Amino acid sequence: MIDKSLGYRTFTVVNIAFLALLSLACILPMIHILAVAFSGKAAANANLVDFWPVDFTIDAFRKTFENRNFVNAMAISTIRTLLGTFIFLVLLLVTSYPLSKEQRSFKGRSLYIWYFVFTMLFSGGLVPSYMLMIKLGLNNSIWALVLPGAVDVFSLILMLNFFRAIPKELEEASLIDGANHFTTLWRVYFPLSLPAIATLALFTMVGHWNSWFDGMIYNTKAENYPLATLLQTIIVQQDFSKITMDPRALEDISNRTVKAAQIFIGALPILLVYPFLQKYFVKGVIMGAVKE
């Protein structure tokens, strides 16, 4: 029975108010960015736009998609996100499944776990990683963006703990019926672990989409930049040499509206993907929280 005392009701009201303010703090900046992107040059430069477009126009979006480097960067980010997430999930499942077994079933399991934990606590650092990519010839390629973080040890630990919570009787029944471990992983463990897998996949997708630093250090050519790196170069460093837009076109529109359009377009794919994974998110984000 829920205790609806004065303290409980006060907590509920404060909690709802806090979450409402937090939601507004996340939503209002995006609405402002969208309003600026759809506003005219004079209103945007005069800082007259709040949360509704002034002198509505779609020129900023049209010019953005006419920017060859922007479209190319968006394609690279899409490929990076899909490829990086796929590699991450494959390595996560085939690694966490055997490590979730008991010591008597997998000799050397503890040694492998300590090896992974050691790499999580003590990384090689930026310079050795950069030299490794150069020696392997992976710089200026998509593999320099997806391979270094392909195995995330923190996610690996979360996943193997999730696998441990699945009843062992299901695995025993599968093996008795003649299935091997790969079939058991795919037919038994994978469907039961969808909340955890979807949550970790969402984290990985957001990480790949928003990552800009590795794109900058591993790529020397602007045409190989992912979208986050290109936006960081244009917006933060104010380096407009990466824009291949006709200078005469910039006379008709504001840099503020172009940057706002690029920011909104850059965030849009993650905003579209999130609702489809949200139903798994609540279950997956609390995985490992209950101990018996």
Protein backbone atom coordinates (compact mmCIF):
# COMPACT_ATOMS: atom_id res chain seq x y z
CA MET A 1 0.00 0.00 0.00
CA ILE A 2 1.41 3.41 -0.98
CA ASP A 3 1.98 5.80 1.91
CA LYS A 4 0.29 9.07 0.89
CA SER A 5 1.44 11.06 3.87
CA LEU A 6 2.26 14.77 3.69
CA GLY A 7 5.94 13.95 3.20
CA TYR A 8 5.16 11.58 0.32
CA ARG A 9 2.93 14.11 -1.43
CA THR A 10 5.51 16.86 -0.93
CA PHE A 11 8.22 14.66 -2.41
CA THR A 12 6.00 13.82 -5.38
CA VAL A 13 5.27 17.48 -6.12
CA VAL A 14 8.94 18.49 -5.79
CA ASN A 15 10.00 15.53 -7.91
CA ILE A 16 7.52 16.37 -10.69
CA ALA A 17 8.53 20.04 -10.62
CA PHE A 18 12.24 19.14 -10.78
CA LEU A 19 11.74 16.73 -13.68
CA ALA A 20 9.57 19.30 -15.50
CA LEU A 21 12.30 21.95 -15.16
CA LEU A 22 14.94 19.46 -16.26
CA SER A 23 12.83 18.54 -19.31
CA LEU A 24 12.38 22.21 -20.21
CA ALA A 25 16.14 22.77 -19.87
CA CYS A 26 16.66 20.02 -22.48
CA ILE A 27 13.79 20.90 -24.84
CA LEU A 28 13.88 24.71 -24.92
CA PRO A 29 17.43 25.01 -26.36
CA MET A 30 16.46 22.66 -29.20
CA ILE A 31 13.30 24.70 -29.89
CA HIS A 32 15.38 27.89 -29.92
CA ILE A 33 17.93 26.35 -32.31
CA LEU A 34 15.12 25.20 -34.61
CA ALA A 35 13.49 28.66 -34.51
CA VAL A 36 16.80 30.35 -35.42
CA ALA A 37 17.35 27.87 -38.26
CA PHE A 38 13.97 28.79 -39.79
CA SER A 39 14.41 32.57 -39.30
CA GLY A 40 15.58 35.24 -41.70
CA LYS A 41 19.08 36.72 -41.76
CA ALA A 42 18.20 40.10 -40.21
CA ALA A 43 16.21 38.67 -37.30
CA ALA A 44 18.87 36.04 -36.53
CA ASN A 45 21.76 38.52 -36.63
CA ALA A 46 19.80 40.99 -34.46
CA ASN A 47 19.15 38.20 -31.92
CA LEU A 48 15.39 38.75 -32.15
CA VAL A 49 14.46 35.04 -32.29
CA ASP A 50 13.28 33.30 -29.14
CA PHE A 51 11.17 30.18 -29.60
CA TRP A 52 9.32 31.01 -32.82
CA PRO A 53 10.81 31.75 -36.27
CA VAL A 54 10.92 35.36 -37.45
CA ASP A 55 10.69 35.93 -41.23
CA PHE A 56 10.23 32.20 -41.82
CA THR A 57 12.58 30.69 -44.43
CA ILE A 58 14.14 27.32 -45.19
CA ASP A 59 17.20 28.77 -46.92
CA ALA A 60 19.54 27.65 -44.11
CA PHE A 61 18.47 24.00 -44.50
CA ARG A 62 18.62 24.23 -48.29
CA LYS A 63 22.11 25.73 -48.21
CA THR A 64 23.22 23.20 -45.61
CA PHE A 65 22.28 20.25 -47.82
CA GLU A 66 23.98 21.96 -50.77
CA ASN A 67 27.21 21.93 -48.75
CA ARG A 68 29.10 18.93 -50.12
CA ASN A 69 31.31 18.54 -47.04
CA PHE A 70 28.31 18.52 -44.71
CA VAL A 71 26.46 15.82 -46.66
CA ASN A 72 29.65 13.77 -46.91
CA ALA A 73 30.29 14.15 -43.16
CA MET A 74 26.74 13.08 -42.40
CA ALA A 75 27.17 9.96 -44.54
CA ILE A 76 30.45 9.13 -42.76
CA SER A 77 28.80 9.58 -39.35
CA THR A 78 25.90 7.33 -40.38
CA ILE A 79 28.26 4.60 -41.61
CA ARG A 80 30.40 4.98 -38.51
CA THR A 81 27.42 4.74 -36.16
CA LEU A 82 25.90 1.67 -37.85
CA LEU A 83 29.20 -0.14 -38.37
CA GLY A 84 30.57 0.75 -34.93
CA THR A 85 27.39 -0.32 -33.15
CA PHE A 86 27.23 -3.61 -35.09
CA ILE A 87 30.86 -4.49 -34.30
CA PHE A 88 30.36 -3.46 -30.67
CA LEU A 89 27.29 -5.68 -30.24
CA VAL A 90 28.88 -8.72 -31.91
CA LEU A 91 32.02 -8.48 -29.78
CA LEU A 92 29.97 -7.72 -26.68
CA LEU A 93 27.79 -10.84 -27.03
CA VAL A 94 30.51 -13.33 -28.01
CA THR A 95 32.75 -12.04 -25.20
CA SER A 96 30.28 -11.63 -22.35
CA TYR A 97 28.58 -15.02 -22.94
CA PRO A 98 31.60 -17.23 -22.12
CA LEU A 99 32.73 -14.88 -19.34
CA SER A 100 29.33 -15.26 -17.65
CA LYS A 101 29.97 -18.99 -17.10
CA GLU A 102 31.20 -20.54 -13.90
CA GLN A 103 34.93 -21.13 -13.39
CA ARG A 104 34.50 -24.90 -13.70
CA SER A 105 32.87 -24.49 -17.12
CA PHE A 106 35.40 -22.00 -18.50
CA LYS A 107 38.95 -22.50 -17.27
CA GLY A 108 40.87 -19.26 -17.12
CA ARG A 109 37.72 -17.14 -16.92
CA SER A 110 39.05 -15.06 -14.02
CA LEU A 111 42.30 -14.40 -15.88
CA TYR A 112 40.42 -13.06 -18.91
CA ILE A 113 38.21 -10.86 -16.73
CA TRP A 114 41.20 -9.37 -14.94
CA TYR A 115 42.85 -8.77 -18.33
CA PHE A 116 39.84 -6.79 -19.52
CA VAL A 117 39.58 -4.85 -16.24
CA PHE A 118 43.29 -3.98 -16.43
CA THR A 119 42.84 -2.48 -19.90
CA MET A 120 39.92 -0.45 -18.59
CA LEU A 121 41.92 0.98 -15.68
CA PHE A 122 45.23 1.48 -17.49
CA SER A 123 44.93 2.52 -21.12
CA GLY A 124 47.87 3.13 -23.43
CA GLY A 125 47.11 6.82 -23.79
CA LEU A 126 46.60 9.11 -26.74
CA VAL A 127 50.11 9.07 -28.23
CA PRO A 128 50.52 5.24 -28.36
CA SER A 129 47.00 4.93 -29.79
CA TYR A 130 47.77 7.50 -32.47
CA MET A 131 51.09 5.81 -33.35
CA LEU A 132 49.33 2.44 -33.53
CA MET A 133 46.77 3.76 -36.00
CA ILE A 134 49.57 5.25 -38.13
CA LYS A 135 51.58 1.99 -38.09
CA LEU A 136 48.50 -0.03 -39.02
CA GLY A 137 47.72 2.41 -41.84
CA LEU A 138 44.20 3.00 -40.51
CA ASN A 139 44.38 6.80 -40.35
CA ASN A 140 42.06 8.60 -42.77
CA SER A 141 39.78 5.55 -42.78
CA ILE A 142 36.52 4.61 -41.07
CA TRP A 143 38.30 1.80 -39.17
CA ALA A 144 40.29 4.30 -37.10
CA LEU A 145 36.94 5.55 -35.75
CA VAL A 146 35.22 2.23 -34.96
CA LEU A 147 37.96 -0.25 -33.97
CA PRO A 148 39.72 1.48 -31.01
CA GLY A 149 36.53 1.48 -28.90
CA ALA A 150 35.01 -1.71 -30.28
CA VAL A 151 35.23 -3.52 -26.92
CA ASP A 152 33.91 -1.43 -24.05
CA VAL A 153 34.87 -3.21 -20.82
CA PHE A 154 32.30 -1.39 -18.68
CA SER A 155 29.49 -2.55 -21.00
CA LEU A 156 31.05 -6.01 -21.04
CA ILE A 157 30.81 -6.26 -17.25
CA LEU A 158 27.18 -5.08 -17.32
CA MET A 159 26.29 -7.61 -20.01
CA LEU A 160 27.91 -10.62 -18.37
CA ASN A 161 26.12 -9.79 -15.11
CA PHE A 162 22.84 -9.65 -17.07
CA PHE A 163 23.61 -13.07 -18.58
CA ARG A 164 24.29 -14.47 -15.12
CA ALA A 165 20.78 -13.48 -14.01
CA ILE A 166 19.21 -15.70 -16.70
CA PRO A 167 18.16 -19.09 -15.22
CA LYS A 168 20.74 -21.79 -15.93
CA GLU A 169 17.93 -24.29 -16.50
CA LEU A 170 17.17 -22.60 -19.84
CA GLU A 171 20.72 -23.13 -21.06
CA GLU A 172 20.74 -26.74 -19.82
CA ALA A 173 17.46 -27.44 -21.63
CA SER A 174 18.84 -25.93 -24.83
CA LEU A 175 22.04 -27.99 -24.66
CA ILE A 176 20.08 -31.18 -23.89
CA ASP A 177 17.93 -30.53 -26.98
CA GLY A 178 21.11 -30.58 -29.07
CA ALA A 179 21.87 -26.88 -29.47
CA ASN A 180 25.46 -25.69 -29.31
CA HIS A 181 26.59 -22.59 -27.45
CA PHE A 182 26.19 -20.28 -30.47
CA THR A 183 22.59 -21.46 -30.96
CA THR A 184 21.92 -21.10 -27.24
CA LEU A 185 23.33 -17.57 -27.30
CA TRP A 186 21.25 -16.58 -30.32
CA ARG A 187 17.98 -18.41 -29.53
CA VAL A 188 17.88 -18.18 -25.71
CA TYR A 189 20.14 -15.48 -24.31
CA PHE A 190 19.70 -12.87 -27.07
CA PRO A 191 15.86 -12.58 -26.91
CA LEU A 192 15.90 -12.50 -23.10
CA SER A 193 18.58 -9.79 -23.07
CA LEU A 194 16.98 -7.36 -25.53
CA PRO A 195 16.43 -4.59 -22.90
CA ALA A 196 20.12 -4.62 -21.95
CA ILE A 197 21.29 -4.94 -25.55
CA ALA A 198 19.04 -2.09 -26.74
CA THR A 199 20.23 0.17 -23.92
CA LEU A 200 23.91 -0.48 -24.56
CA ALA A 201 23.33 -0.12 -28.32
CA LEU A 202 21.70 3.28 -27.76
CA PHE A 203 24.62 4.45 -25.60
CA THR A 204 27.06 3.28 -28.27
CA MET A 205 25.14 4.93 -31.11
CA VAL A 206 25.02 8.26 -29.28
CA GLY A 207 28.73 7.96 -28.45
CA HIS A 208 29.71 7.31 -32.07
CA TRP A 209 27.42 10.02 -33.44
CA ASN A 210 28.65 12.71 -31.05
CA SER A 211 32.34 11.73 -30.97
CA TRP A 212 34.49 14.40 -32.64
CA PHE A 213 37.98 14.22 -31.11
CA ASP A 214 39.08 10.94 -32.71
CA GLY A 215 37.80 12.16 -36.09
CA MET A 216 40.08 15.17 -35.77
CA ILE A 217 43.29 13.39 -34.72
CA TYR A 218 42.98 10.35 -37.01
CA ASN A 219 41.93 12.29 -40.14
CA THR A 220 44.07 14.84 -41.91
CA LYS A 221 41.58 15.48 -44.72
CA ALA A 222 38.39 17.49 -44.18
CA GLU A 223 36.48 15.21 -46.55
CA ASN A 224 37.04 12.33 -44.10
CA TYR A 225 35.61 14.20 -41.11
CA PRO A 226 32.51 12.74 -39.42
CA LEU A 227 29.68 15.19 -38.78
CA ALA A 228 30.54 15.93 -35.14
CA THR A 229 34.13 16.79 -36.07
CA LEU A 230 33.00 19.04 -38.92
CA LEU A 231 30.52 20.86 -36.66
CA GLN A 232 33.15 21.29 -33.96
CA THR A 233 35.54 22.76 -36.53
CA ILE A 234 32.99 25.18 -37.94
CA ILE A 235 31.16 26.22 -34.75
CA VAL A 236 33.78 26.06 -31.99
CA GLN A 237 36.99 26.80 -33.91
CA GLN A 238 35.17 29.18 -36.29
CA ASP A 239 37.10 27.64 -39.18
CA PHE A 240 34.91 28.23 -42.23
CA SER A 241 37.48 26.89 -44.68
CA LYS A 242 35.68 23.52 -44.41
CA ILE A 243 32.53 25.07 -45.88
CA THR A 244 32.37 24.63 -49.62
CA MET A 245 29.39 26.93 -49.88
CA ASP A 246 29.32 29.71 -52.47
CA PRO A 247 30.37 32.95 -50.65
CA ARG A 248 27.65 34.84 -52.56
CA ALA A 249 25.07 32.52 -51.04
CA LEU A 250 26.25 33.43 -47.53
CA GLU A 251 25.36 37.06 -48.28
CA ASP A 252 21.68 36.11 -48.38
CA ILE A 253 21.60 34.06 -45.19
CA SER A 254 23.06 34.35 -41.71
CA ASN A 255 25.91 32.22 -40.38
CA ARG A 256 23.80 31.80 -37.23
CA THR A 257 20.92 30.23 -39.13
CA VAL A 258 23.27 27.91 -41.05
CA LYS A 259 24.99 26.78 -37.85
CA ALA A 260 21.60 26.32 -36.13
CA ALA A 261 20.37 24.21 -39.06
CA GLN A 262 23.52 22.08 -38.95
CA ILE A 263 23.23 21.57 -35.19
CA PHE A 264 19.58 20.53 -35.47
CA ILE A 265 20.23 18.19 -38.41
CA GLY A 266 23.16 16.69 -36.49
CA ALA A 267 20.99 15.90 -33.46
CA LEU A 268 17.94 14.76 -35.44
CA PRO A 269 18.94 11.09 -36.12
CA ILE A 270 19.44 10.34 -32.41
CA LEU A 271 16.13 12.07 -31.59
CA LEU A 272 14.39 9.85 -34.15
CA VAL A 273 16.00 6.61 -32.96
CA TYR A 274 15.42 7.15 -29.23
CA PRO A 275 11.59 6.62 -29.18
CA PHE A 276 11.97 3.18 -30.80
CA LEU A 277 14.44 2.04 -28.12
CA GLN A 278 12.77 3.84 -25.21
CA LYS A 279 10.54 0.86 -24.33
CA TYR A 280 13.67 -1.19 -23.59
CA PHE A 281 15.50 1.66 -21.95
CA VAL A 282 13.84 1.56 -18.49
CA LYS A 283 14.45 -2.20 -18.08
CA GLY A 284 17.95 -2.06 -19.46
CA VAL A 285 19.20 0.92 -17.51
CA ILE A 286 18.51 -0.78 -14.14
CA MET A 287 20.16 -4.06 -15.09
CA GLY A 288 22.24 -5.43 -12.28
CA ALA A 289 20.57 -3.14 -9.75
CA VAL A 290 18.73 -6.00 -7.99
CA LYS A 291 20.92 -8.54 -6.20
CA GLU A 292 19.63 -11.76 -4.66
